[in-house]
Amino acid sequence: MAMMGLDIGTSGCKSTILNDNFEICAGSYLEYPAVRSGGSHVLDANLVWQNVKQVMAESLRQSGGQRIEAISISSFGEAFVLVDEHSNVLDYSMLYTDNRGKLECEELTRALGEEAIINVTGINPHQMYSINKLCWIKKNQPEIFGKAYKAFQFEDFIIHMLTGECAVDYSLASRTMAFDIRKKVWWQDMFAAAGIDIEDLGCVFNYNLPDVP
């Protein structure tokens, strides 16, 4: 039984195949550029997806076409991919180093309180987290926000493109600044403060989360 690991980074992606003795038998890596302009720092999710397919294909070629029984995927957090209902990418993805979202983070922190955000989400308020940049898009790019159906973290985006599933794990959900780490649910107060209806079909964080054990 062979297994594949995929790692999605900010500057490149790689795949590795392990055989049934857990020995590395194939691997491939491709880089892609992030684009800086002023205070913005963005990544093209379509290019990431194309490169992921290429490294997977190359690793399979190197392995002699072994049957892959499982794929494990990891990625950086915070940055998300906005897609429409047909899974088309709507815009470039803002990386955590992108300056946008600072004012929105300040507004959410005033509305909910810094202590409450820390207690519920387990993180200090910061502009890099997804909900702040989503608020920036809603305010400054309403034509894009209006078309949004999901906001996938990059790991979730690749899983969706490979399987059609919409899912997020707890660790990446916590990087949105909108996840209750104790109750393991989306934090309704945060969405209310952000002015986003989590039950709306257009809500980009409307995932099915796994049940708490």
N, C-alpha and C. Protein backbone atom coordinates (compact mmCIF):
# COMPACT_ATOMS: atom_id res chain seq x y z
N MET A 1 0.84 -1.20 0.00
CA MET A 1 0.00 0.00 0.00
C MET A 1 0.87 1.24 0.00
N ALA A 2 0.75 2.10 -0.98
CA ALA A 2 1.51 3.34 -1.06
C ALA A 2 0.67 4.50 -0.55
N MET A 3 1.33 5.49 0.04
CA MET A 3 0.67 6.68 0.56
C MET A 3 1.39 7.90 0.01
N MET A 4 0.63 8.96 -0.23
CA MET A 4 1.21 10.21 -0.73
C MET A 4 1.02 11.32 0.27
N GLY A 5 2.04 12.12 0.44
CA GLY A 5 1.94 13.32 1.25
C GLY A 5 2.07 14.54 0.36
N LEU A 6 1.21 15.53 0.55
CA LEU A 6 1.26 16.79 -0.18
C LEU A 6 1.48 17.92 0.82
N ASP A 7 2.42 18.80 0.52
CA ASP A 7 2.66 19.96 1.36
C ASP A 7 2.52 21.20 0.50
N ILE A 8 1.62 22.11 0.90
CA ILE A 8 1.34 23.33 0.16
C ILE A 8 1.94 24.50 0.93
N GLY A 9 2.99 25.10 0.38
CA GLY A 9 3.65 26.22 1.03
C GLY A 9 3.37 27.52 0.31
N THR A 10 3.92 28.60 0.85
CA THR A 10 3.69 29.91 0.25
C THR A 10 4.54 30.14 -1.01
N SER A 11 5.58 29.34 -1.19
CA SER A 11 6.45 29.53 -2.35
C SER A 11 6.55 28.30 -3.24
N GLY A 12 5.95 27.18 -2.82
CA GLY A 12 6.01 25.98 -3.64
C GLY A 12 5.24 24.84 -3.00
N CYS A 13 5.07 23.77 -3.77
CA CYS A 13 4.38 22.58 -3.27
C CYS A 13 5.22 21.36 -3.59
N LYS A 14 5.06 20.33 -2.75
CA LYS A 14 5.82 19.11 -2.98
C LYS A 14 4.95 17.90 -2.65
N SER A 15 5.27 16.79 -3.30
CA SER A 15 4.59 15.54 -3.02
C SER A 15 5.65 14.46 -2.76
N THR A 16 5.31 13.55 -1.87
CA THR A 16 6.20 12.44 -1.53
C THR A 16 5.37 11.17 -1.45
N ILE A 17 5.88 10.08 -2.00
CA ILE A 17 5.19 8.80 -1.94
C ILE A 17 6.00 7.84 -1.07
N LEU A 18 5.31 7.19 -0.14
CA LEU A 18 5.91 6.16 0.71
C LEU A 18 5.34 4.81 0.32
N ASN A 19 6.21 3.80 0.26
CA ASN A 19 5.72 2.46 -0.03
C ASN A 19 5.21 1.79 1.24
N ASP A 20 4.83 0.52 1.14
CA ASP A 20 4.23 -0.14 2.31
C ASP A 20 5.23 -0.42 3.42
N ASN A 21 6.51 -0.18 3.17
CA ASN A 21 7.53 -0.28 4.22
C ASN A 21 7.88 1.10 4.78
N PHE A 22 7.05 2.10 4.41
CA PHE A 22 7.23 3.50 4.84
C PHE A 22 8.57 4.06 4.38
N GLU A 23 9.01 3.62 3.20
CA GLU A 23 10.22 4.13 2.59
C GLU A 23 9.83 5.11 1.48
N ILE A 24 10.57 6.22 1.39
CA ILE A 24 10.30 7.19 0.33
C ILE A 24 10.72 6.59 -1.01
N CYS A 25 9.78 6.51 -1.92
CA CYS A 25 10.09 5.92 -3.23
C CYS A 25 9.92 6.91 -4.37
N ALA A 26 9.40 8.10 -4.08
CA ALA A 26 9.23 9.11 -5.14
C ALA A 26 8.95 10.46 -4.50
N GLY A 27 9.27 11.53 -5.23
CA GLY A 27 8.98 12.86 -4.74
C GLY A 27 9.17 13.91 -5.81
N SER A 28 8.47 15.02 -5.68
CA SER A 28 8.56 16.08 -6.67
C SER A 28 8.25 17.41 -5.99
N TYR A 29 8.84 18.49 -6.53
CA TYR A 29 8.64 19.82 -5.96
C TYR A 29 8.58 20.84 -7.09
N LEU A 30 7.66 21.81 -6.97
CA LEU A 30 7.56 22.92 -7.92
C LEU A 30 7.33 24.22 -7.16
N GLU A 31 7.96 25.27 -7.62
CA GLU A 31 7.77 26.58 -7.02
C GLU A 31 6.72 27.38 -7.78
N TYR A 32 6.14 28.36 -7.08
CA TYR A 32 5.25 29.33 -7.72
C TYR A 32 5.49 30.68 -7.03
N PRO A 33 5.30 31.77 -7.76
CA PRO A 33 5.62 33.08 -7.19
C PRO A 33 4.45 33.70 -6.44
N ALA A 34 4.74 34.31 -5.30
CA ALA A 34 3.79 35.20 -4.65
C ALA A 34 4.06 36.60 -5.17
N VAL A 35 3.03 37.41 -5.28
CA VAL A 35 3.16 38.73 -5.90
C VAL A 35 3.01 39.82 -4.84
N ARG A 36 4.00 40.68 -4.73
CA ARG A 36 3.94 41.84 -3.83
C ARG A 36 3.68 43.11 -4.63
N SER A 37 2.83 43.97 -4.09
CA SER A 37 2.57 45.27 -4.71
C SER A 37 2.10 46.22 -3.62
N GLY A 38 2.97 47.17 -3.25
CA GLY A 38 2.63 48.03 -2.13
C GLY A 38 2.52 47.20 -0.86
N GLY A 39 1.36 47.26 -0.20
CA GLY A 39 1.17 46.48 1.01
C GLY A 39 0.52 45.13 0.77
N SER A 40 0.19 44.84 -0.48
CA SER A 40 -0.47 43.56 -0.77
C SER A 40 0.56 42.46 -1.02
N HIS A 41 0.18 41.23 -0.70
CA HIS A 41 1.03 40.06 -0.91
C HIS A 41 0.11 38.89 -1.19
N VAL A 42 0.03 38.47 -2.45
CA VAL A 42 -1.01 37.55 -2.86
C VAL A 42 -0.44 36.34 -3.60
N LEU A 43 -1.27 35.30 -3.67
CA LEU A 43 -0.90 34.05 -4.31
C LEU A 43 -2.04 33.64 -5.24
N ASP A 44 -1.68 33.09 -6.40
CA ASP A 44 -2.65 32.64 -7.38
C ASP A 44 -3.03 31.19 -7.08
N ALA A 45 -4.24 30.97 -6.56
CA ALA A 45 -4.67 29.62 -6.18
C ALA A 45 -4.78 28.70 -7.39
N ASN A 46 -5.14 29.26 -8.54
CA ASN A 46 -5.21 28.43 -9.75
C ASN A 46 -3.84 27.88 -10.11
N LEU A 47 -2.80 28.70 -9.97
CA LEU A 47 -1.44 28.25 -10.25
C LEU A 47 -1.01 27.19 -9.25
N VAL A 48 -1.37 27.39 -7.98
CA VAL A 48 -1.05 26.39 -6.96
C VAL A 48 -1.69 25.05 -7.32
N TRP A 49 -2.94 25.07 -7.71
CA TRP A 49 -3.65 23.84 -8.08
C TRP A 49 -2.99 23.17 -9.28
N GLN A 50 -2.61 23.93 -10.28
CA GLN A 50 -1.94 23.35 -11.45
C GLN A 50 -0.62 22.70 -11.05
N ASN A 51 0.14 23.36 -10.17
CA ASN A 51 1.42 22.80 -9.73
C ASN A 51 1.23 21.56 -8.87
N VAL A 52 0.19 21.57 -8.04
CA VAL A 52 -0.10 20.39 -7.23
C VAL A 52 -0.36 19.18 -8.13
N LYS A 53 -1.15 19.38 -9.17
CA LYS A 53 -1.42 18.27 -10.09
C LYS A 53 -0.14 17.78 -10.76
N GLN A 54 0.75 18.70 -11.08
CA GLN A 54 2.00 18.32 -11.74
C GLN A 54 2.92 17.52 -10.81
N VAL A 55 3.05 17.97 -9.53
CA VAL A 55 3.94 17.22 -8.62
C VAL A 55 3.35 15.85 -8.30
N MET A 56 2.03 15.77 -8.22
CA MET A 56 1.41 14.46 -7.99
C MET A 56 1.68 13.53 -9.17
N ALA A 57 1.52 14.05 -10.38
CA ALA A 57 1.74 13.23 -11.57
C ALA A 57 3.19 12.79 -11.67
N GLU A 58 4.12 13.69 -11.37
CA GLU A 58 5.54 13.36 -11.46
C GLU A 58 5.92 12.31 -10.41
N SER A 59 5.39 12.45 -9.21
CA SER A 59 5.68 11.46 -8.17
C SER A 59 5.13 10.09 -8.55
N LEU A 60 3.93 10.07 -9.11
CA LEU A 60 3.36 8.80 -9.57
C LEU A 60 4.19 8.19 -10.68
N ARG A 61 4.69 9.02 -11.57
CA ARG A 61 5.54 8.52 -12.66
C ARG A 61 6.81 7.89 -12.10
N GLN A 62 7.43 8.58 -11.13
CA GLN A 62 8.65 8.07 -10.52
C GLN A 62 8.42 6.74 -9.79
N SER A 63 7.24 6.60 -9.22
CA SER A 63 6.94 5.40 -8.43
C SER A 63 6.55 4.21 -9.29
N GLY A 64 6.46 4.44 -10.58
CA GLY A 64 6.05 3.35 -11.47
C GLY A 64 4.56 3.13 -11.48
N GLY A 65 3.80 4.15 -11.12
CA GLY A 65 2.34 4.04 -11.15
C GLY A 65 1.76 3.23 -10.01
N GLN A 66 2.40 3.28 -8.83
CA GLN A 66 1.87 2.54 -7.68
C GLN A 66 0.47 3.03 -7.33
N ARG A 67 -0.32 2.12 -6.80
CA ARG A 67 -1.66 2.47 -6.36
C ARG A 67 -1.57 3.24 -5.04
N ILE A 68 -2.14 4.43 -5.02
CA ILE A 68 -2.12 5.26 -3.82
C ILE A 68 -3.38 4.99 -3.01
N GLU A 69 -3.20 4.54 -1.78
CA GLU A 69 -4.34 4.20 -0.92
C GLU A 69 -4.80 5.38 -0.08
N ALA A 70 -3.92 6.33 0.18
CA ALA A 70 -4.29 7.47 1.02
C ALA A 70 -3.41 8.66 0.68
N ILE A 71 -3.97 9.86 0.83
CA ILE A 71 -3.24 11.09 0.61
C ILE A 71 -3.39 11.98 1.85
N SER A 72 -2.27 12.46 2.36
CA SER A 72 -2.27 13.38 3.49
C SER A 72 -1.83 14.74 2.99
N ILE A 73 -2.56 15.78 3.38
CA ILE A 73 -2.29 17.13 2.87
C ILE A 73 -2.08 18.09 4.04
N SER A 74 -1.06 18.93 3.91
CA SER A 74 -0.83 20.00 4.87
C SER A 74 -0.61 21.30 4.11
N SER A 75 -0.88 22.42 4.78
CA SER A 75 -0.67 23.72 4.13
C SER A 75 -0.44 24.78 5.18
N PHE A 76 -0.02 25.95 4.73
CA PHE A 76 0.04 27.11 5.60
C PHE A 76 -1.38 27.52 5.97
N GLY A 77 -1.53 28.29 7.04
CA GLY A 77 -2.86 28.70 7.48
C GLY A 77 -3.19 30.13 7.10
N GLU A 78 -4.30 30.62 7.61
CA GLU A 78 -4.80 31.99 7.46
C GLU A 78 -5.31 32.33 6.06
N ALA A 79 -4.45 32.19 5.04
CA ALA A 79 -4.87 32.56 3.69
C ALA A 79 -5.98 31.63 3.21
N PHE A 80 -6.94 32.22 2.48
CA PHE A 80 -8.06 31.43 1.99
C PHE A 80 -8.28 31.68 0.50
N VAL A 81 -9.00 30.74 -0.12
CA VAL A 81 -9.31 30.82 -1.54
C VAL A 81 -10.81 31.02 -1.69
N LEU A 82 -11.21 32.15 -2.23
CA LEU A 82 -12.63 32.40 -2.47
C LEU A 82 -13.04 31.73 -3.77
N VAL A 83 -14.12 30.93 -3.70
CA VAL A 83 -14.64 30.29 -4.91
C VAL A 83 -16.13 30.54 -5.02
N ASP A 84 -16.63 30.44 -6.26
CA ASP A 84 -18.08 30.55 -6.47
C ASP A 84 -18.71 29.18 -6.37
N GLU A 85 -20.00 29.08 -6.65
CA GLU A 85 -20.71 27.82 -6.48
C GLU A 85 -20.26 26.74 -7.46
N HIS A 86 -19.49 27.13 -8.48
CA HIS A 86 -18.96 26.16 -9.44
C HIS A 86 -17.49 25.87 -9.18
N SER A 87 -17.01 26.29 -8.02
CA SER A 87 -15.62 26.07 -7.58
C SER A 87 -14.61 26.85 -8.41
N ASN A 88 -15.05 27.92 -9.07
CA ASN A 88 -14.13 28.80 -9.78
C ASN A 88 -13.50 29.77 -8.80
N VAL A 89 -12.18 29.92 -8.87
CA VAL A 89 -11.47 30.86 -8.01
C VAL A 89 -11.85 32.29 -8.41
N LEU A 90 -12.21 33.11 -7.42
CA LEU A 90 -12.72 34.45 -7.70
C LEU A 90 -11.64 35.53 -7.70
N ASP A 91 -10.54 35.31 -6.99
CA ASP A 91 -9.52 36.35 -6.90
C ASP A 91 -8.24 35.75 -6.34
N TYR A 92 -7.17 36.52 -6.38
CA TYR A 92 -5.93 36.12 -5.73
C TYR A 92 -6.16 36.02 -4.22
N SER A 93 -5.37 35.18 -3.57
CA SER A 93 -5.50 34.97 -2.13
C SER A 93 -4.51 35.84 -1.37
N MET A 94 -5.00 36.55 -0.36
CA MET A 94 -4.13 37.38 0.47
C MET A 94 -3.37 36.50 1.46
N LEU A 95 -2.04 36.60 1.46
CA LEU A 95 -1.23 35.87 2.40
C LEU A 95 -1.24 36.57 3.76
N TYR A 96 -0.72 35.89 4.77
CA TYR A 96 -0.75 36.46 6.12
C TYR A 96 0.09 37.74 6.21
N THR A 97 1.03 37.91 5.30
CA THR A 97 1.88 39.09 5.28
C THR A 97 1.25 40.27 4.54
N ASP A 98 0.07 40.07 3.97
CA ASP A 98 -0.65 41.15 3.30
C ASP A 98 -1.18 42.12 4.36
N ASN A 99 -1.01 43.42 4.13
CA ASN A 99 -1.37 44.43 5.13
C ASN A 99 -2.87 44.66 5.27
N ARG A 100 -3.66 44.20 4.32
CA ARG A 100 -5.10 44.48 4.37
C ARG A 100 -5.77 43.71 5.51
N GLY A 101 -6.77 44.32 6.12
CA GLY A 101 -7.48 43.70 7.23
C GLY A 101 -7.17 44.31 8.58
N LYS A 102 -6.22 45.24 8.63
CA LYS A 102 -5.83 45.84 9.91
C LYS A 102 -6.99 46.62 10.53
N LEU A 103 -7.61 47.50 9.75
CA LEU A 103 -8.73 48.30 10.27
C LEU A 103 -9.88 47.40 10.68
N GLU A 104 -10.15 46.37 9.87
CA GLU A 104 -11.26 45.45 10.17
C GLU A 104 -11.00 44.68 11.46
N CYS A 105 -9.75 44.31 11.69
CA CYS A 105 -9.40 43.61 12.94
C CYS A 105 -9.61 44.53 14.14
N GLU A 106 -9.23 45.79 14.00
CA GLU A 106 -9.44 46.75 15.08
C GLU A 106 -10.93 46.92 15.38
N GLU A 107 -11.75 46.95 14.33
CA GLU A 107 -13.19 47.11 14.51
C GLU A 107 -13.79 45.89 15.22
N LEU A 108 -13.39 44.69 14.82
CA LEU A 108 -13.90 43.48 15.45
C LEU A 108 -13.44 43.38 16.90
N THR A 109 -12.22 43.82 17.15
CA THR A 109 -11.69 43.77 18.52
C THR A 109 -12.44 44.74 19.42
N ARG A 110 -12.76 45.91 18.91
CA ARG A 110 -13.56 46.86 19.70
C ARG A 110 -14.95 46.30 19.96
N ALA A 111 -15.52 45.63 18.98
CA ALA A 111 -16.88 45.12 19.12
C ALA A 111 -16.97 43.97 20.12
N LEU A 112 -16.00 43.09 20.13
CA LEU A 112 -16.07 41.88 20.94
C LEU A 112 -15.17 41.90 22.17
N GLY A 113 -14.13 42.70 22.12
CA GLY A 113 -13.17 42.77 23.21
C GLY A 113 -12.00 41.82 22.98
N GLU A 114 -10.81 42.33 23.22
CA GLU A 114 -9.61 41.52 23.00
C GLU A 114 -9.60 40.27 23.86
N GLU A 115 -9.98 40.41 25.13
CA GLU A 115 -9.97 39.27 26.04
C GLU A 115 -10.92 38.17 25.58
N ALA A 116 -12.11 38.57 25.12
CA ALA A 116 -13.09 37.59 24.66
C ALA A 116 -12.56 36.85 23.43
N ILE A 117 -11.93 37.56 22.51
CA ILE A 117 -11.40 36.92 21.32
C ILE A 117 -10.32 35.91 21.69
N ILE A 118 -9.45 36.29 22.61
CA ILE A 118 -8.39 35.37 23.05
C ILE A 118 -8.99 34.15 23.74
N ASN A 119 -9.96 34.36 24.61
CA ASN A 119 -10.55 33.25 25.36
C ASN A 119 -11.29 32.27 24.46
N VAL A 120 -11.99 32.78 23.45
CA VAL A 120 -12.79 31.91 22.60
C VAL A 120 -11.96 31.25 21.51
N THR A 121 -11.12 32.04 20.86
CA THR A 121 -10.39 31.53 19.69
C THR A 121 -9.00 30.99 20.00
N GLY A 122 -8.46 31.39 21.15
CA GLY A 122 -7.12 30.92 21.52
C GLY A 122 -6.00 31.69 20.84
N ILE A 123 -6.32 32.78 20.15
CA ILE A 123 -5.30 33.56 19.46
C ILE A 123 -5.48 35.03 19.76
N ASN A 124 -4.39 35.79 19.66
CA ASN A 124 -4.46 37.23 19.81
C ASN A 124 -5.01 37.85 18.52
N PRO A 125 -5.89 38.84 18.63
CA PRO A 125 -6.40 39.48 17.41
C PRO A 125 -5.27 39.99 16.53
N HIS A 126 -5.36 39.71 15.24
CA HIS A 126 -4.34 40.18 14.30
C HIS A 126 -4.94 40.22 12.91
N GLN A 127 -4.47 41.15 12.12
CA GLN A 127 -5.01 41.34 10.78
C GLN A 127 -4.77 40.16 9.85
N MET A 128 -3.81 39.28 10.18
CA MET A 128 -3.49 38.18 9.26
C MET A 128 -4.59 37.12 9.19
N TYR A 129 -5.46 37.06 10.21
CA TYR A 129 -6.43 35.98 10.26
C TYR A 129 -7.57 36.19 9.27
N SER A 130 -8.15 35.09 8.84
CA SER A 130 -9.06 35.07 7.69
C SER A 130 -10.25 36.02 7.81
N ILE A 131 -10.89 36.06 8.98
CA ILE A 131 -12.13 36.83 9.10
C ILE A 131 -11.89 38.32 8.84
N ASN A 132 -10.72 38.81 9.20
CA ASN A 132 -10.41 40.22 8.99
C ASN A 132 -10.26 40.54 7.50
N LYS A 133 -9.59 39.66 6.78
CA LYS A 133 -9.41 39.88 5.35
C LYS A 133 -10.72 39.65 4.59
N LEU A 134 -11.54 38.74 5.12
CA LEU A 134 -12.85 38.55 4.51
C LEU A 134 -13.70 39.81 4.67
N CYS A 135 -13.62 40.44 5.84
CA CYS A 135 -14.34 41.70 6.05
C CYS A 135 -13.81 42.78 5.12
N TRP A 136 -12.51 42.78 4.88
CA TRP A 136 -11.93 43.76 3.96
C TRP A 136 -12.51 43.56 2.55
N ILE A 137 -12.61 42.31 2.12
CA ILE A 137 -13.17 42.03 0.79
C ILE A 137 -14.63 42.45 0.73
N LYS A 138 -15.38 42.15 1.78
CA LYS A 138 -16.80 42.53 1.80
C LYS A 138 -16.96 44.04 1.66
N LYS A 139 -16.07 44.80 2.30
CA LYS A 139 -16.16 46.25 2.29
C LYS A 139 -15.61 46.87 1.00
N ASN A 140 -14.51 46.31 0.50
CA ASN A 140 -13.80 46.95 -0.60
C ASN A 140 -13.99 46.27 -1.96
N GLN A 141 -14.41 45.01 -1.96
CA GLN A 141 -14.64 44.29 -3.20
C GLN A 141 -15.99 43.57 -3.14
N PRO A 142 -17.08 44.34 -3.00
CA PRO A 142 -18.40 43.71 -2.83
C PRO A 142 -18.82 42.85 -4.00
N GLU A 143 -18.33 43.16 -5.20
CA GLU A 143 -18.68 42.36 -6.37
C GLU A 143 -18.08 40.95 -6.28
N ILE A 144 -16.92 40.82 -5.66
CA ILE A 144 -16.30 39.51 -5.44
C ILE A 144 -16.98 38.81 -4.27
N PHE A 145 -17.18 39.54 -3.18
CA PHE A 145 -17.83 38.94 -2.01
C PHE A 145 -19.21 38.42 -2.36
N GLY A 146 -19.93 39.14 -3.21
CA GLY A 146 -21.29 38.74 -3.57
C GLY A 146 -21.35 37.44 -4.34
N LYS A 147 -20.25 37.07 -5.00
CA LYS A 147 -20.20 35.82 -5.76
C LYS A 147 -19.66 34.65 -4.94
N ALA A 148 -19.12 34.95 -3.75
CA ALA A 148 -18.42 33.93 -2.96
C ALA A 148 -19.38 32.88 -2.41
N TYR A 149 -18.96 31.63 -2.54
CA TYR A 149 -19.74 30.50 -2.02
C TYR A 149 -19.00 29.82 -0.87
N LYS A 150 -17.69 29.70 -0.99
CA LYS A 150 -16.87 29.15 0.08
C LYS A 150 -15.55 29.90 0.14
N ALA A 151 -14.94 29.88 1.32
CA ALA A 151 -13.58 30.36 1.48
C ALA A 151 -12.77 29.21 2.04
N PHE A 152 -12.06 28.54 1.17
CA PHE A 152 -11.27 27.38 1.58
C PHE A 152 -9.88 27.82 2.04
N GLN A 153 -9.45 27.33 3.21
CA GLN A 153 -8.02 27.40 3.49
C GLN A 153 -7.33 26.55 2.42
N PHE A 154 -6.05 26.77 2.18
CA PHE A 154 -5.43 26.12 1.03
C PHE A 154 -5.47 24.60 1.11
N GLU A 155 -5.32 24.04 2.29
CA GLU A 155 -5.47 22.59 2.43
C GLU A 155 -6.86 22.14 2.01
N ASP A 156 -7.87 22.88 2.47
CA ASP A 156 -9.26 22.54 2.15
C ASP A 156 -9.54 22.69 0.66
N PHE A 157 -8.91 23.72 0.06
CA PHE A 157 -9.10 23.97 -1.37
C PHE A 157 -8.59 22.79 -2.20
N ILE A 158 -7.41 22.30 -1.87
CA ILE A 158 -6.85 21.16 -2.61
C ILE A 158 -7.70 19.91 -2.38
N ILE A 159 -8.14 19.69 -1.16
CA ILE A 159 -9.02 18.54 -0.88
C ILE A 159 -10.30 18.65 -1.70
N HIS A 160 -10.86 19.85 -1.75
CA HIS A 160 -12.09 20.06 -2.51
C HIS A 160 -11.87 19.79 -4.00
N MET A 161 -10.78 20.28 -4.54
CA MET A 161 -10.51 20.09 -5.96
C MET A 161 -10.25 18.62 -6.29
N LEU A 162 -9.71 17.86 -5.33
CA LEU A 162 -9.45 16.44 -5.56
C LEU A 162 -10.69 15.57 -5.35
N THR A 163 -11.56 15.97 -4.42
CA THR A 163 -12.65 15.08 -4.01
C THR A 163 -14.05 15.68 -4.14
N GLY A 164 -14.15 17.00 -4.23
CA GLY A 164 -15.46 17.65 -4.24
C GLY A 164 -16.01 17.91 -2.85
N GLU A 165 -15.31 17.47 -1.81
CA GLU A 165 -15.78 17.66 -0.44
C GLU A 165 -15.49 19.07 0.05
N CYS A 166 -16.34 19.55 0.98
CA CYS A 166 -16.13 20.82 1.66
C CYS A 166 -15.91 20.52 3.13
N ALA A 167 -14.69 20.63 3.59
CA ALA A 167 -14.38 20.28 4.98
C ALA A 167 -13.18 21.08 5.44
N VAL A 168 -13.04 21.22 6.75
CA VAL A 168 -11.89 21.92 7.32
C VAL A 168 -11.54 21.22 8.63
N ASP A 169 -10.24 21.13 8.94
CA ASP A 169 -9.87 20.53 10.22
C ASP A 169 -9.81 21.62 11.29
N TYR A 170 -9.79 21.18 12.55
CA TYR A 170 -9.87 22.13 13.65
C TYR A 170 -8.68 23.10 13.66
N SER A 171 -7.49 22.62 13.35
CA SER A 171 -6.32 23.49 13.43
C SER A 171 -6.40 24.63 12.43
N LEU A 172 -6.85 24.33 11.20
CA LEU A 172 -6.98 25.40 10.21
C LEU A 172 -8.19 26.28 10.51
N ALA A 173 -9.26 25.69 11.02
CA ALA A 173 -10.43 26.50 11.39
C ALA A 173 -10.04 27.55 12.43
N SER A 174 -9.13 27.18 13.32
CA SER A 174 -8.72 28.11 14.37
C SER A 174 -7.93 29.30 13.83
N ARG A 175 -7.42 29.19 12.61
CA ARG A 175 -6.65 30.28 12.03
C ARG A 175 -7.53 31.33 11.36
N THR A 176 -8.84 31.16 11.45
CA THR A 176 -9.76 32.15 10.89
C THR A 176 -10.06 33.28 11.87
N MET A 177 -9.78 33.08 13.17
CA MET A 177 -10.18 33.99 14.24
C MET A 177 -11.70 34.02 14.39
N ALA A 178 -12.35 32.96 13.93
CA ALA A 178 -13.81 32.89 14.00
C ALA A 178 -14.27 31.52 14.49
N PHE A 179 -13.37 30.80 15.19
CA PHE A 179 -13.65 29.42 15.60
C PHE A 179 -13.52 29.30 17.11
N ASP A 180 -14.54 28.73 17.74
CA ASP A 180 -14.54 28.48 19.18
C ASP A 180 -13.77 27.19 19.44
N ILE A 181 -12.56 27.32 19.99
CA ILE A 181 -11.69 26.15 20.12
C ILE A 181 -12.13 25.19 21.22
N ARG A 182 -13.00 25.65 22.12
CA ARG A 182 -13.48 24.77 23.19
C ARG A 182 -14.75 24.03 22.77
N LYS A 183 -15.66 24.73 22.15
CA LYS A 183 -16.91 24.11 21.72
C LYS A 183 -16.78 23.43 20.36
N LYS A 184 -15.69 23.71 19.66
CA LYS A 184 -15.44 23.14 18.32
C LYS A 184 -16.55 23.52 17.33
N VAL A 185 -16.95 24.77 17.36
CA VAL A 185 -17.97 25.29 16.43
C VAL A 185 -17.53 26.68 15.99
N TRP A 186 -18.14 27.15 14.88
CA TRP A 186 -17.90 28.53 14.46
C TRP A 186 -18.49 29.48 15.51
N TRP A 187 -17.80 30.56 15.78
CA TRP A 187 -18.17 31.53 16.81
C TRP A 187 -19.21 32.49 16.23
N GLN A 188 -20.46 32.32 16.62
CA GLN A 188 -21.55 33.10 16.06
C GLN A 188 -21.38 34.60 16.33
N ASP A 189 -20.87 34.95 17.50
CA ASP A 189 -20.71 36.37 17.84
C ASP A 189 -19.73 37.06 16.89
N MET A 190 -18.70 36.33 16.47
CA MET A 190 -17.74 36.92 15.54
C MET A 190 -18.39 37.20 14.18
N PHE A 191 -19.18 36.24 13.70
CA PHE A 191 -19.85 36.45 12.43
C PHE A 191 -20.87 37.58 12.51
N ALA A 192 -21.53 37.69 13.67
CA ALA A 192 -22.48 38.78 13.85
C ALA A 192 -21.77 40.13 13.83
N ALA A 193 -20.62 40.20 14.50
CA ALA A 193 -19.85 41.44 14.53
C ALA A 193 -19.32 41.78 13.14
N ALA A 194 -19.01 40.75 12.37
CA ALA A 194 -18.49 40.95 11.02
C ALA A 194 -19.60 41.27 10.02
N GLY A 195 -20.85 41.06 10.43
CA GLY A 195 -21.97 41.31 9.53
C GLY A 195 -22.09 40.27 8.45
N ILE A 196 -21.74 39.03 8.79
CA ILE A 196 -21.81 37.92 7.84
C ILE A 196 -22.78 36.88 8.37
N ASP A 197 -23.74 36.49 7.56
CA ASP A 197 -24.73 35.49 7.96
C ASP A 197 -24.17 34.10 7.69
N ILE A 198 -23.80 33.40 8.75
CA ILE A 198 -23.17 32.09 8.58
C ILE A 198 -24.13 31.06 8.00
N GLU A 199 -25.45 31.30 8.10
CA GLU A 199 -26.42 30.37 7.56
C GLU A 199 -26.76 30.65 6.10
N ASP A 200 -26.33 31.81 5.62
CA ASP A 200 -26.58 32.17 4.22
C ASP A 200 -25.83 31.23 3.29
N LEU A 201 -26.45 30.83 2.19
CA LEU A 201 -25.76 29.97 1.24
C LEU A 201 -24.52 30.64 0.67
N GLY A 202 -24.48 31.95 0.71
CA GLY A 202 -23.30 32.66 0.25
C GLY A 202 -22.21 32.75 1.29
N CYS A 203 -22.48 32.25 2.49
CA CYS A 203 -21.49 32.34 3.56
C CYS A 203 -20.31 31.44 3.26
N VAL A 204 -19.14 32.02 3.23
CA VAL A 204 -17.98 31.29 2.76
C VAL A 204 -17.37 30.38 3.81
N PHE A 205 -17.80 30.46 5.06
CA PHE A 205 -17.30 29.54 6.07
C PHE A 205 -18.35 28.50 6.45
N ASN A 206 -19.32 28.27 5.59
CA ASN A 206 -20.41 27.35 5.92
C ASN A 206 -20.00 25.90 5.65
N TYR A 207 -19.08 25.39 6.47
CA TYR A 207 -18.58 24.03 6.35
C TYR A 207 -19.34 23.09 7.28
N ASN A 208 -19.26 21.80 6.98
CA ASN A 208 -19.68 20.78 7.93
C ASN A 208 -18.47 20.37 8.76
N LEU A 209 -18.52 20.68 10.05
CA LEU A 209 -17.42 20.32 10.92
C LEU A 209 -17.67 18.94 11.53
N PRO A 210 -16.60 18.17 11.77
CA PRO A 210 -16.79 16.84 12.38
C PRO A 210 -17.29 16.98 13.81
N ASP A 211 -18.01 15.95 14.26
CA ASP A 211 -18.51 15.94 15.63
C ASP A 211 -17.36 15.86 16.63
N VAL A 212 -17.56 16.48 17.77
CA VAL A 212 -16.55 16.40 18.84
C VAL A 212 -16.60 15.01 19.46
N PRO A 213 -15.45 14.34 19.62
CA PRO A 213 -15.47 12.99 20.21
C PRO A 213 -16.04 13.00 21.62
